[in-house]
C-alpha atoms as a PDB file:
ATOM      1  CA  UNK A   1     -11.148 -11.573 -28.022  1.00  0.00           C
ATOM      2  CA  UNK A   2      -9.071 -10.204 -25.262  1.00  0.00           C
ATOM      3  CA  UNK A   3      -6.963  -7.140 -26.092  1.00  0.00           C
ATOM      4  CA  UNK A   4      -4.115  -5.274 -24.497  1.00  0.00           C
ATOM      5  CA  UNK A   5      -3.763  -1.658 -25.449  1.00  0.00           C
ATOM      6  CA  UNK A   6      -1.314   1.066 -24.585  1.00  0.00           C
ATOM      7  CA  UNK A   7      -4.005   3.671 -25.152  1.00  0.00           C
ATOM      8  CA  UNK A   8      -7.335   2.243 -23.878  1.00  0.00           C
ATOM      9  CA  UNK A   9      -8.731   0.071 -21.021  1.00  0.00           C
ATOM     10  CA  UNK A  10      -8.848  -2.071 -17.206  1.00  0.00           C
ATOM     11  CA  UNK A  11      -5.188  -1.234   2.180  1.00  0.00           C
ATOM     12  CA  UNK A  12      -3.677   0.047   4.113  1.00  0.00           C
ATOM     13  CA  UNK A  13      -4.959  -0.074   7.742  1.00  0.00           C
ATOM     14  CA  UNK A  14      -4.507   3.197   9.688  1.00  0.00           C
ATOM     15  CA  UNK A  15      -1.826   2.937  12.354  1.00  0.00           C
ATOM     16  CA  UNK A  16      -1.755   4.801  15.606  1.00  0.00           C
ATOM     17  CA  UNK A  17       1.890   5.762  14.938  1.00  0.00           C
ATOM     18  CA  UNK A  18       2.508   8.097  12.035  1.00  0.00           C
ATOM     19  CA  UNK A  19       4.756   6.645   9.360  1.00  0.00           C
ATOM     20  CA  UNK A  20       6.572   8.201   6.465  1.00  0.00           C
ATOM     21  CA  UNK A  21       5.887   7.284   2.825  1.00  0.00           C
ATOM     22  CA  UNK A  22       8.703   5.129   1.379  1.00  0.00           C
ATOM     23  CA  UNK A  23      11.191   6.885  -0.773  1.00  0.00           C
ATOM     24  CA  UNK A  24      11.831   5.116  -4.080  1.00  0.00           C
ATOM     25  CA  UNK A  25      15.257   5.466  -5.674  1.00  0.00           C
ATOM     26  CA  UNK A  26      14.947   5.759  -9.437  1.00  0.00           C
ATOM     27  CA  UNK A  27      16.653   2.902 -11.265  1.00  0.00           C
ATOM     28  CA  UNK A  28      18.712   3.696 -14.326  1.00  0.00           C
ATOM     29  CA  UNK A  29      16.904   3.303 -17.637  1.00  0.00           C
ATOM     30  CA  UNK A  30      18.404   0.520 -19.662  1.00  0.00           C
ATOM     31  CA  UNK A  31      19.730   0.959 -23.158  1.00  0.00           C
ATOM     32  CA  UNK A  32      17.619  -0.558 -25.960  1.00  0.00           C
ATOM     33  CA  UNK A  33      19.925  -3.560 -26.172  1.00  0.00           C
ATOM     34  CA  UNK A  34      19.946  -4.084 -22.398  1.00  0.00           C
ATOM     35  CA  UNK A  35      16.162  -3.756 -22.248  1.00  0.00           C
ATOM     36  CA  UNK A  36      15.704  -6.384 -24.956  1.00  0.00           C
ATOM     37  CA  UNK A  37      18.128  -8.733 -23.157  1.00  0.00           C
ATOM     38  CA  UNK A  38      16.209  -8.296 -19.924  1.00  0.00           C
ATOM     39  CA  UNK A  39      12.802  -8.927 -21.478  1.00  0.00           C
ATOM     40  CA  UNK A  40      14.201 -12.042 -23.153  1.00  0.00           C
ATOM     41  CA  UNK A  41      15.326 -13.398 -19.785  1.00  0.00           C
ATOM     42  CA  UNK A  42      11.973 -12.517 -18.178  1.00  0.00           C
ATOM     43  CA  UNK A  43      10.093 -14.336 -20.938  1.00  0.00           C
ATOM     44  CA  UNK A  44      12.272 -17.441 -20.357  1.00  0.00           C
ATOM     45  CA  UNK A  45      11.896 -17.789 -16.564  1.00  0.00           C
ATOM     46  CA  UNK A  46       8.949 -15.488 -15.620  1.00  0.00           C
ATOM     47  CA  UNK A  47      11.343 -13.451 -13.446  1.00  0.00           C
ATOM     48  CA  UNK A  48      12.142 -16.503 -11.348  1.00  0.00           C
ATOM     49  CA  UNK A  49       8.678 -16.806  -9.778  1.00  0.00           C
ATOM     50  CA  UNK A  50       5.527 -18.882 -10.169  1.00  0.00           C
ATOM     51  CA  UNK A  51       2.059 -17.692 -11.150  1.00  0.00           C
ATOM     52  CA  UNK A  52       0.192 -15.695  -9.999  1.00  0.00           C
ATOM     53  CA  UNK A  53       3.473 -13.791  -9.730  1.00  0.00           C
ATOM     54  CA  UNK A  54       4.435 -12.397 -13.152  1.00  0.00           C
ATOM     55  CA  UNK A  55       7.971 -11.186 -13.883  1.00  0.00           C
ATOM     56  CA  UNK A  56       8.518 -10.781 -10.160  1.00  0.00           C
ATOM     57  CA  UNK A  57       5.316  -8.782  -9.636  1.00  0.00           C
ATOM     58  CA  UNK A  58       2.765 -10.407  -7.284  1.00  0.00           C
ATOM     59  CA  UNK A  59      -0.889  -9.255  -7.230  1.00  0.00           C
ATOM     60  CA  UNK A  60      -1.967  -8.479  -3.718  1.00  0.00           C
ATOM     61  CA  UNK A  61       1.613  -8.132  -2.501  1.00  0.00           C
ATOM     62  CA  UNK A  62       3.486  -5.833  -4.888  1.00  0.00           C
ATOM     63  CA  UNK A  63       2.682  -2.132  -4.821  1.00  0.00           C
ATOM     64  CA  UNK A  64       2.375  -0.175  -8.008  1.00  0.00           C
ATOM     65  CA  UNK A  65       5.264   2.014  -6.854  1.00  0.00           C
ATOM     66  CA  UNK A  66       7.537  -1.062  -6.731  1.00  0.00           C
ATOM     67  CA  UNK A  67       6.280  -2.391 -10.071  1.00  0.00           C
ATOM     68  CA  UNK A  68       6.569   0.962 -11.766  1.00  0.00           C
ATOM     69  CA  UNK A  69      10.142   1.432 -10.603  1.00  0.00           C
ATOM     70  CA  UNK A  70      11.052  -1.869 -12.239  1.00  0.00           C
ATOM     71  CA  UNK A  71       8.995  -1.598 -15.421  1.00  0.00           C
ATOM     72  CA  UNK A  72      10.045   1.934 -16.286  1.00  0.00           C
ATOM     73  CA  UNK A  73      13.696   0.792 -16.704  1.00  0.00           C
ATOM     74  CA  UNK A  74      12.758  -0.997 -19.939  1.00  0.00           C
ATOM     75  CA  UNK A  75       9.263   0.236 -20.935  1.00  0.00           C
ATOM     76  CA  UNK A  76       8.634   2.025 -24.243  1.00  0.00           C
ATOM     77  CA  UNK A  77       5.504   3.699 -22.872  1.00  0.00           C
ATOM     78  CA  UNK A  78       3.427   3.802 -19.713  1.00  0.00           C
ATOM     79  CA  UNK A  79      -0.042   5.263 -19.389  1.00  0.00           C
ATOM     80  CA  UNK A  80      -2.445   5.340 -16.411  1.00  0.00           C
ATOM     81  CA  UNK A  81      -6.221   5.715 -16.571  1.00  0.00           C
ATOM     82  CA  UNK A  82      -8.645   6.058 -13.658  1.00  0.00           C
ATOM     83  CA  UNK A  83     -11.116   3.164 -13.836  1.00  0.00           C
ATOM     84  CA  UNK A  84     -12.653   3.739 -10.352  1.00  0.00           C
ATOM     85  CA  UNK A  85     -16.287   2.482 -10.403  1.00  0.00           C
ATOM     86  CA  UNK A  86     -19.280   4.593  -9.329  1.00  0.00           C
ATOM     87  CA  UNK A  87     -20.712   5.184  -5.924  1.00  0.00           C
ATOM     88  CA  UNK A  88     -20.129   1.590  -4.750  1.00  0.00           C
ATOM     89  CA  UNK A  89     -16.346   1.926  -4.708  1.00  0.00           C
ATOM     90  CA  UNK A  90     -16.203   2.371  -0.922  1.00  0.00           C
ATOM     91  CA  UNK A  91     -13.659   5.165  -1.345  1.00  0.00           C
ATOM     92  CA  UNK A  92     -11.109   2.951  -3.095  1.00  0.00           C
ATOM     93  CA  UNK A  93      -9.225   4.283  -6.134  1.00  0.00           C
ATOM     94  CA  UNK A  94      -8.830   1.893  -9.066  1.00  0.00           C
ATOM     95  CA  UNK A  95      -6.309   2.652 -11.795  1.00  0.00           C
ATOM     96  CA  UNK A  96      -5.318   0.771 -14.957  1.00  0.00           C
ATOM     97  CA  UNK A  97      -1.668   1.071 -16.032  1.00  0.00           C
ATOM     98  CA  UNK A  98      -0.804   0.222 -19.667  1.00  0.00           C
ATOM     99  CA  UNK A  99       2.829  -0.601 -20.303  1.00  0.00           C
ATOM    100  CA  UNK A 100       4.455  -1.462 -23.633  1.00  0.00           C
ATOM    101  CA  UNK A 101       7.987  -2.789 -24.271  1.00  0.00           C
ATOM    102  CA  UNK A 102      10.049  -4.204 -27.105  1.00  0.00           C
ATOM    103  CA  UNK A 103      10.323  -7.963 -27.765  1.00  0.00           C
ATOM    104  CA  UNK A 104      12.662  -8.490 -30.666  1.00  0.00           C
ATOM    105  CA  UNK A 105      11.011  -6.857 -33.604  1.00  0.00           C
ATOM    106  CA  UNK A 106       7.636  -6.841 -31.938  1.00  0.00           C
ATOM    107  CA  UNK A 107       5.950  -4.926 -29.151  1.00  0.00           C
ATOM    108  CA  UNK A 108       4.697  -6.644 -26.013  1.00  0.00           C
ATOM    109  CA  UNK A 109       2.469  -5.158 -23.405  1.00  0.00           C
ATOM    110  CA  UNK A 110       0.884  -5.615 -19.989  1.00  0.00           C
ATOM    111  CA  UNK A 111      -2.135  -4.110 -18.293  1.00  0.00           C
ATOM    112  CA  UNK A 112      -1.855  -3.791 -14.497  1.00  0.00           C
ATOM    113  CA  UNK A 113      -4.885  -2.820 -12.444  1.00  0.00           C
ATOM    114  CA  UNK A 114      -4.340  -1.412  -8.972  1.00  0.00           C
ATOM    115  CA  UNK A 115      -6.617  -0.680  -6.043  1.00  0.00           C
ATOM    116  CA  UNK A 116      -5.399   1.986  -3.642  1.00  0.00           C
ATOM    117  CA  UNK A 117      -1.862   1.509  -5.008  1.00  0.00           C
ATOM    118  CA  UNK A 118      -1.715  -2.259  -4.623  1.00  0.00           C
ATOM    119  CA  UNK A 119      -1.831  -4.512  -7.680  1.00  0.00           C
ATOM    120  CA  UNK A 120      -5.151  -6.337  -8.057  1.00  0.00           C
ATOM    121  CA  UNK A 121      -4.795  -7.877 -11.544  1.00  0.00           C
ATOM    122  CA  UNK A 122      -2.295  -8.351 -14.312  1.00  0.00           C
ATOM    123  CA  UNK A 123      -3.138  -9.107 -17.945  1.00  0.00           C
ATOM    124  CA  UNK A 124      -0.609  -9.823 -20.643  1.00  0.00           C
ATOM    125  CA  UNK A 125      -0.762 -11.404 -24.084  1.00  0.00           C
ATOM    126  CA  UNK A 126       0.585 -14.015 -26.479  1.00  0.00           C
ATOM    127  CA  UNK A 127       3.648 -12.080 -27.661  1.00  0.00           C
ATOM    128  CA  UNK A 128       4.846 -11.910 -24.072  1.00  0.00           C
ATOM    129  CA  UNK A 129       3.737 -15.410 -22.928  1.00  0.00           C
ATOM    130  CA  UNK A 130       4.629 -17.666 -25.873  1.00  0.00           C
ATOM    131  CA  UNK A 131       8.049 -18.732 -24.541  1.00  0.00           C
ATOM    132  CA  UNK A 132       6.980 -19.795 -21.027  1.00  0.00           C
ATOM    133  CA  UNK A 133       3.257 -20.563 -21.001  1.00  0.00           C
ATOM    134  CA  UNK A 134       2.525 -22.808 -23.966  1.00  0.00           C
ATOM    135  CA  UNK A 135      -0.324 -25.191 -23.090  1.00  0.00           C
ATOM    136  CA  UNK A 136       1.919 -28.251 -22.560  1.00  0.00           C
ATOM    137  CA  UNK A 137       4.325 -26.235 -20.367  1.00  0.00           C
ATOM    138  CA  UNK A 138       1.483 -24.810 -18.265  1.00  0.00           C
ATOM    139  CA  UNK A 139       0.021 -28.294 -17.606  1.00  0.00           C
ATOM    140  CA  UNK A 140       3.466 -29.715 -16.791  1.00  0.00           C
ATOM    141  CA  UNK A 141       4.426 -26.930 -14.425  1.00  0.00           C
ATOM    142  CA  UNK A 142       1.106 -26.254 -12.708  1.00  0.00           C
ATOM    143  CA  UNK A 143      -0.769 -29.538 -12.965  1.00  0.00           C
ATOM    144  CA  UNK A 144      -4.461 -30.150 -13.527  1.00  0.00           C
ATOM    145  CA  UNK A 145      -6.603 -26.949 -13.827  1.00  0.00           C
ATOM    146  CA  UNK A 146      -9.861 -26.584 -11.936  1.00  0.00           C
ATOM    147  CA  UNK A 147     -11.923 -25.711 -15.022  1.00  0.00           C
ATOM    148  CA  UNK A 148     -11.425 -25.994 -18.769  1.00  0.00           C
ATOM    149  CA  UNK A 149     -13.746 -24.186 -21.199  1.00  0.00           C
ATOM    150  CA  UNK A 150     -13.902 -23.684 -24.942  1.00  0.00           C
ATOM    151  CA  UNK A 151     -15.624 -21.698 -27.666  1.00  0.00           C
ATOM    152  CA  UNK A 152     -15.648 -21.856 -31.456  1.00  0.00           C
ATOM    153  CA  UNK A 153     -17.987 -21.746 -34.485  1.00  0.00           C
ATOM    154  CA  UNK A 154     -19.386 -24.377 -36.802  1.00  0.00           C
ATOM    155  CA  UNK A 155     -17.710 -22.971 -39.924  1.00  0.00           C
ATOM    156  CA  UNK A 156     -15.314 -20.187 -40.935  1.00  0.00           C
ATOM    157  CA  UNK A 157     -16.626 -16.614 -41.139  1.00  0.00           C
ATOM    158  CA  UNK A 158     -15.214 -13.356 -42.546  1.00  0.00           C
ATOM    159  CA  UNK A 159     -12.422 -13.424 -39.953  1.00  0.00           C
ATOM    160  CA  UNK A 160     -11.603 -17.128 -40.070  1.00  0.00           C
ATOM    161  CA  UNK A 161     -12.601 -19.790 -37.529  1.00  0.00           C
ATOM    162  CA  UNK A 162     -11.468 -18.830 -34.040  1.00  0.00           C
ATOM    163  CA  UNK A 163     -11.083 -21.688 -31.551  1.00  0.00           C
ATOM    164  CA  UNK A 164     -10.652 -20.575 -27.929  1.00  0.00           C
ATOM    165  CA  UNK A 165      -9.598 -22.561 -24.887  1.00  0.00           C
ATOM    166  CA  UNK A 166      -9.693 -21.304 -21.311  1.00  0.00           C
ATOM    167  CA  UNK A 167      -7.594 -23.063 -18.694  1.00  0.00           C
ATOM    168  CA  UNK A 168      -8.604 -21.785 -15.232  1.00  0.00           C
ATOM    169  CA  UNK A 169      -6.612 -22.327 -12.042  1.00  0.00           C
ATOM    170  CA  UNK A 170      -8.902 -20.812  -9.393  1.00  0.00           C
ATOM    171  CA  UNK A 171      -6.937 -21.680  -6.236  1.00  0.00           C
ATOM    172  CA  UNK A 172      -3.653 -20.554  -7.864  1.00  0.00           C
ATOM    173  CA  UNK A 173      -5.277 -17.276  -9.013  1.00  0.00           C
ATOM    174  CA  UNK A 174      -4.538 -17.295 -12.696  1.00  0.00           C
ATOM    175  CA  UNK A 175      -6.205 -18.074 -16.036  1.00  0.00           C
ATOM    176  CA  UNK A 176      -4.840 -18.654 -19.531  1.00  0.00           C
ATOM    177  CA  UNK A 177      -6.892 -18.120 -22.733  1.00  0.00           C
ATOM    178  CA  UNK A 178      -5.468 -19.682 -25.921  1.00  0.00           C
ATOM    179  CA  UNK A 179      -7.003 -18.602 -29.209  1.00  0.00           C
ATOM    180  CA  UNK A 180      -5.973 -20.386 -32.450  1.00  0.00           C
ATOM    181  CA  UNK A 181      -7.330 -20.842 -35.938  1.00  0.00           C
ATOM    182  CA  UNK A 182      -9.718 -23.778 -35.981  1.00  0.00           C
ATOM    183  CA  UNK A 183     -10.313 -26.202 -38.873  1.00  0.00           C
ATOM    184  CA  UNK A 184     -13.423 -28.125 -39.959  1.00  0.00           C
ATOM    185  CA  UNK A 185     -12.656 -31.877 -39.932  1.00  0.00           C
ATOM    186  CA  UNK A 186     -15.710 -33.748 -41.204  1.00  0.00           C
ATOM    187  CA  UNK A 187     -18.468 -33.093 -38.663  1.00  0.00           C
ATOM    188  CA  UNK A 188     -16.083 -31.626 -36.076  1.00  0.00           C
ATOM    189  CA  UNK A 189     -14.163 -28.439 -35.530  1.00  0.00           C
ATOM    190  CA  UNK A 190     -10.520 -28.934 -34.452  1.00  0.00           C
ATOM    191  CA  UNK A 191      -8.146 -26.658 -32.603  1.00  0.00           C
ATOM    192  CA  UNK A 192      -4.435 -27.394 -32.146  1.00  0.00           C
ATOM    193  CA  UNK A 193      -2.506 -25.293 -29.723  1.00  0.00           C
ATOM    194  CA  UNK A 194       1.183 -26.259 -30.295  1.00  0.00           C
ATOM    195  CA  UNK A 195       3.414 -23.331 -29.529  1.00  0.00           C
ATOM    196  CA  UNK A 196       0.623 -20.711 -29.095  1.00  0.00           C
ATOM    197  CA  UNK A 197       0.998 -18.305 -26.160  1.00  0.00           C
ATOM    198  CA  UNK A 198      -2.073 -17.408 -24.152  1.00  0.00           C
ATOM    199  CA  UNK A 199      -3.648 -14.221 -22.880  1.00  0.00           C
ATOM    200  CA  UNK A 200      -2.753 -14.544 -19.222  1.00  0.00           C
ATOM    201  CA  UNK A 201      -4.579 -13.086 -16.211  1.00  0.00           C
ATOM    202  CA  UNK A 202      -3.332 -13.251 -12.611  1.00  0.00           C
ATOM    203  CA  UNK A 203      -5.010 -11.689  -9.648  1.00  0.00           C
ATOM    204  CA  UNK A 204      -4.940 -11.023  -5.897  1.00  0.00           C
ATOM    205  CA  UNK A 205      -6.792 -13.011  -3.285  1.00  0.00           C
ATOM    206  CA  UNK A 206      -9.436 -10.244  -2.951  1.00  0.00           C
ATOM    207  CA  UNK A 207     -10.568 -10.630  -6.547  1.00  0.00           C
ATOM    208  CA  UNK A 208     -13.699 -12.712  -7.258  1.00  0.00           C
ATOM    209  CA  UNK A 209     -14.088 -14.796 -10.439  1.00  0.00           C
ATOM    210  CA  UNK A 210     -17.096 -16.692 -11.679  1.00  0.00           C
ATOM    211  CA  UNK A 211     -18.160 -18.049 -15.087  1.00  0.00           C
ATOM    212  CA  UNK A 212     -19.702 -14.744 -16.091  1.00  0.00           C
ATOM    213  CA  UNK A 213     -16.484 -12.873 -15.426  1.00  0.00           C
ATOM    214  CA  UNK A 214     -14.352 -15.520 -17.148  1.00  0.00           C
ATOM    215  CA  UNK A 215     -16.543 -15.237 -20.262  1.00  0.00           C
ATOM    216  CA  UNK A 216     -16.623 -11.463 -20.121  1.00  0.00           C
ATOM    217  CA  UNK A 217     -12.868 -11.199 -19.868  1.00  0.00           C
ATOM    218  CA  UNK A 218     -12.125 -13.640 -22.683  1.00  0.00           C
ATOM    219  CA  UNK A 219     -15.016 -13.295 -25.186  1.00  0.00           C
ATOM    220  CA  UNK A 220     -16.780 -10.075 -24.138  1.00  0.00           C
ATOM    221  CA  UNK A 221     -20.085  -9.885 -22.346  1.00  0.00           C
ATOM    222  CA  UNK A 222     -22.332 -10.624 -25.340  1.00  0.00           C
ATOM    223  CA  UNK A 223     -20.527 -13.280 -27.446  1.00  0.00           C
ATOM    224  CA  UNK A 224     -22.193 -15.104 -30.351  1.00  0.00           C
ATOM    225  CA  UNK A 225     -21.323 -18.438 -28.637  1.00  0.00           C
ATOM    226  CA  UNK A 226     -20.628 -18.556 -24.975  1.00  0.00           C
ATOM    227  CA  UNK A 227     -18.049 -20.762 -23.351  1.00  0.00           C
ATOM    228  CA  UNK A 228     -18.873 -24.432 -22.844  1.00  0.00           C
ATOM    229  CA  UNK A 229     -17.369 -26.802 -20.325  1.00  0.00           C
ATOM    230  CA  UNK A 230     -14.810 -29.194 -21.759  1.00  0.00           C
ATOM    231  CA  UNK A 231     -16.785 -32.195 -20.599  1.00  0.00           C
ATOM    232  CA  UNK A 232     -19.903 -31.041 -22.458  1.00  0.00           C
ATOM    233  CA  UNK A 233     -18.151 -30.151 -25.758  1.00  0.00           C
ATOM    234  CA  UNK A 234     -15.495 -32.861 -26.208  1.00  0.00           C
ATOM    235  CA  UNK A 235     -14.683 -36.472 -25.320  1.00  0.00           C
ATOM    236  CA  UNK A 236     -12.309 -35.306 -22.589  1.00  0.00           C
ATOM    237  CA  UNK A 237     -12.769 -34.533 -18.920  1.00  0.00           C
ATOM    238  CA  UNK A 238     -10.268 -32.330 -17.139  1.00  0.00           C
ATOM    239  CA  UNK A 239      -7.940 -35.189 -15.869  1.00  0.00           C
ATOM    240  CA  UNK A 240      -7.753 -36.917 -19.279  1.00  0.00           C
ATOM    241  CA  UNK A 241      -7.295 -33.549 -21.034  1.00  0.00           C
ATOM    242  CA  UNK A 242      -4.451 -32.694 -18.704  1.00  0.00           C
ATOM    243  CA  UNK A 243      -2.721 -36.030 -19.266  1.00  0.00           C
ATOM    244  CA  UNK A 244      -3.135 -35.884 -23.062  1.00  0.00           C
ATOM    245  CA  UNK A 245      -2.142 -32.293 -23.642  1.00  0.00           C
ATOM    246  CA  UNK A 246       0.954 -32.275 -21.456  1.00  0.00           C
ATOM    247  CA  UNK A 247       2.725 -33.849 -24.480  1.00  0.00           C
ATOM    248  CA  UNK A 248       2.129 -30.737 -26.491  1.00  0.00           C
ATOM    249  CA  UNK A 249       1.006 -32.708 -29.572  1.00  0.00           C
ATOM    250  CA  UNK A 250      -2.735 -33.251 -29.103  1.00  0.00           C
ATOM    251  CA  UNK A 251      -5.614 -31.412 -30.729  1.00  0.00           C
ATOM    252  CA  UNK A 252      -9.124 -30.812 -29.460  1.00  0.00           C
ATOM    253  CA  UNK A 253     -12.167 -31.731 -31.507  1.00  0.00           C
ATOM    254  CA  UNK A 254     -15.772 -30.669 -30.837  1.00  0.00           C
ATOM    255  CA  UNK A 255     -18.947 -31.375 -32.812  1.00  0.00           C
ATOM    256  CA  UNK A 256     -19.588 -28.588 -35.338  1.00  0.00           C
ATOM    257  CA  UNK A 257     -23.312 -28.904 -34.825  1.00  0.00           C
ATOM    258  CA  UNK A 258     -22.895 -27.747 -31.187  1.00  0.00           C
ATOM    259  CA  UNK A 259     -21.635 -24.357 -32.489  1.00  0.00           C
ATOM    260  CA  UNK A 260     -24.121 -23.786 -35.312  1.00  0.00           C
ATOM    261  CA  UNK A 261     -25.798 -20.354 -35.243  1.00  0.00           C
END
């Protein structure tokens, strides 16, 4: 299961003319009430931009300096960890920035990964996304995804019966992962997504995603059951799924025997 934590992890071209570093003017920190009002508006309209832009922050285009200046006006906490890989990093510096903020009586969060100061990836979770990115809304606003994947189990375990759905928009550079409680219905397992918000990843054009990375980000790199393509695990293909689930009322069923341990 994907997690967002406030305490644990995830170029410029030289110019012949010297340039000065930009000077950032500190924005005033909002009061608690003002911060909650702003976060409420951002959750409603995604900051007036379309994915992969999130709350006005665009991977590949927005610098961390710009994003930090905006986020710190309403953040409860901000923490940065160096996640630069080993000797193959080609001199690039990778940092993960963990930001938390209030959402009503709950705490939302976002993890922003940067490479040499430019945002490479954004990850946020269901508390933050539930207003704007419910499954029916996502399909209505962004159309048919390029890939749909799912994962579940044949029967409940000690922690219930998780039912996960990945909706991947490769060309648009974002992915949503919905995880709900599944239910056994005869010989099938059913997942209904309703008003659930997803874990949401957006990324820059330099990031590379394949099935292994999708599974690693959503389920971990050694899951009990890996992701299966929608077409292999249900009666739907991607076009019929998109048409059916845009109504917001449909549920997915998959044969329980397919997920037996």
